[in-house]
Amino acid sequence: CKIEFFDKEKKEGSYIIVFYPKEEKSDINKLLVTISKKDLLPTKLVLEASQGNVTTLVLSSLELRTNIPSSSFDGTNKFPQAIINDLR
């Protein structure tokens, strides 16, 4: 992808980084990621699809380095055919 800083919209206290796909016929037009200057954590994601759909995810809180039991990620009882991809 091609990455650039978005400077058309000045947001005090935030950086906005835009990711563009290299392929012209991609299903995604761009992804905008807003990052807090204070702690460099993401605060907002905006995904613009080529068909005009826009999905916005606003992060109001984020916990880092939290210990979560492995059982929270084990879905094999409900979905025995599933392939587990643990991204912790």
Protein backbone atom coordinates (compact mmCIF):
# COMPACT_ATOMS: atom_id res chain seq x y z
CA CYS A 1 0.00 0.00 0.00
CA LYS A 2 0.93 3.65 -0.31
CA ILE A 3 1.03 5.55 2.99
CA GLU A 4 0.82 9.30 3.57
CA PHE A 5 0.01 11.82 6.27
CA PHE A 6 -3.41 13.43 5.85
CA ASP A 7 -3.06 17.19 6.25
CA LYS A 8 -6.37 18.41 4.77
CA GLU A 9 -8.11 18.01 8.12
CA LYS A 10 -6.10 19.46 10.99
CA LYS A 11 -6.90 17.64 14.21
CA GLU A 12 -5.17 19.13 17.21
CA GLY A 13 -3.57 16.40 19.28
CA SER A 14 -3.84 13.76 16.54
CA TYR A 15 -2.05 12.44 13.49
CA ILE A 16 -4.06 11.08 10.57
CA ILE A 17 -2.37 8.50 8.36
CA VAL A 18 -3.96 7.29 5.12
CA PHE A 19 -3.31 3.90 3.55
CA TYR A 20 -4.10 3.52 -0.19
CA PRO A 21 -4.04 0.15 -1.99
CA LYS A 22 -1.50 -0.30 -4.77
CA GLU A 23 -4.03 -2.10 -6.98
CA GLU A 24 -6.38 0.22 -8.88
CA LYS A 25 -9.28 -2.27 -8.82
CA SER A 26 -9.16 -2.89 -5.07
CA ASP A 27 -12.35 -3.33 -3.03
CA ILE A 28 -10.93 -0.73 -0.64
CA ASN A 29 -10.32 2.91 -1.60
CA LYS A 30 -8.47 3.90 1.56
CA LEU A 31 -8.07 3.42 5.29
CA LEU A 32 -7.67 6.45 7.54
CA VAL A 33 -6.10 5.86 10.95
CA THR A 34 -6.24 8.62 13.57
CA ILE A 35 -3.50 8.36 16.20
CA SER A 36 -3.23 10.33 19.44
CA LYS A 37 -0.08 12.47 19.63
CA LYS A 38 -0.13 12.04 23.41
CA ASP A 39 0.33 8.27 23.60
CA LEU A 40 0.59 7.23 19.91
CA LEU A 41 -2.40 4.90 20.24
CA PRO A 42 -5.14 4.63 17.59
CA THR A 43 -8.36 6.49 18.33
CA LYS A 44 -10.31 6.09 15.08
CA LEU A 45 -10.32 3.94 11.94
CA VAL A 46 -12.27 4.82 8.79
CA LEU A 47 -12.44 2.30 5.95
CA GLU A 48 -13.76 3.57 2.62
CA ALA A 49 -14.81 0.85 0.19
CA SER A 50 -14.84 1.22 -3.58
CA GLN A 51 -18.64 0.77 -3.72
CA GLY A 52 -19.13 3.82 -1.48
CA ASN A 53 -19.55 2.07 1.86
CA VAL A 54 -17.79 3.74 4.79
CA THR A 55 -17.11 1.92 8.05
CA THR A 56 -15.99 3.96 11.07
CA LEU A 57 -14.59 2.47 14.26
CA VAL A 58 -14.06 4.87 17.18
CA LEU A 59 -11.94 3.57 20.04
CA SER A 60 -13.06 5.08 23.33
CA SER A 61 -10.81 2.93 25.51
CA LEU A 62 -7.94 0.56 24.96
CA GLU A 63 -6.35 -1.81 27.45
CA LEU A 64 -2.74 -2.78 26.89
CA ARG A 65 -0.85 -5.73 28.33
CA THR A 66 -3.99 -7.30 29.79
CA ASN A 67 -3.78 -10.95 30.82
CA ILE A 68 -6.68 -12.82 29.28
CA PRO A 69 -7.09 -16.52 29.98
CA SER A 70 -6.56 -18.83 27.01
CA SER A 71 -10.05 -20.26 27.53
CA SER A 72 -11.48 -16.92 26.32
CA PHE A 73 -10.05 -17.65 22.87
CA ASP A 74 -10.99 -21.33 22.65
CA GLY A 75 -14.03 -21.73 20.42
CA THR A 76 -13.43 -25.36 19.52
CA ASN A 77 -16.42 -26.53 21.59
CA LYS A 78 -18.86 -24.33 19.67
CA PHE A 79 -17.08 -24.56 16.30
CA PRO A 80 -15.22 -27.91 16.07
CA GLN A 81 -14.31 -27.41 12.37
CA ALA A 82 -12.81 -23.94 12.96
CA ILE A 83 -9.15 -23.19 12.40
CA ILE A 84 -7.79 -21.33 15.45
CA ASN A 85 -5.76 -18.21 14.69
CA ASP A 86 -4.73 -16.80 18.07
CA LEU A 87 -3.46 -13.23 17.55
CA ARG A 88 -2.79 -12.31 21.15
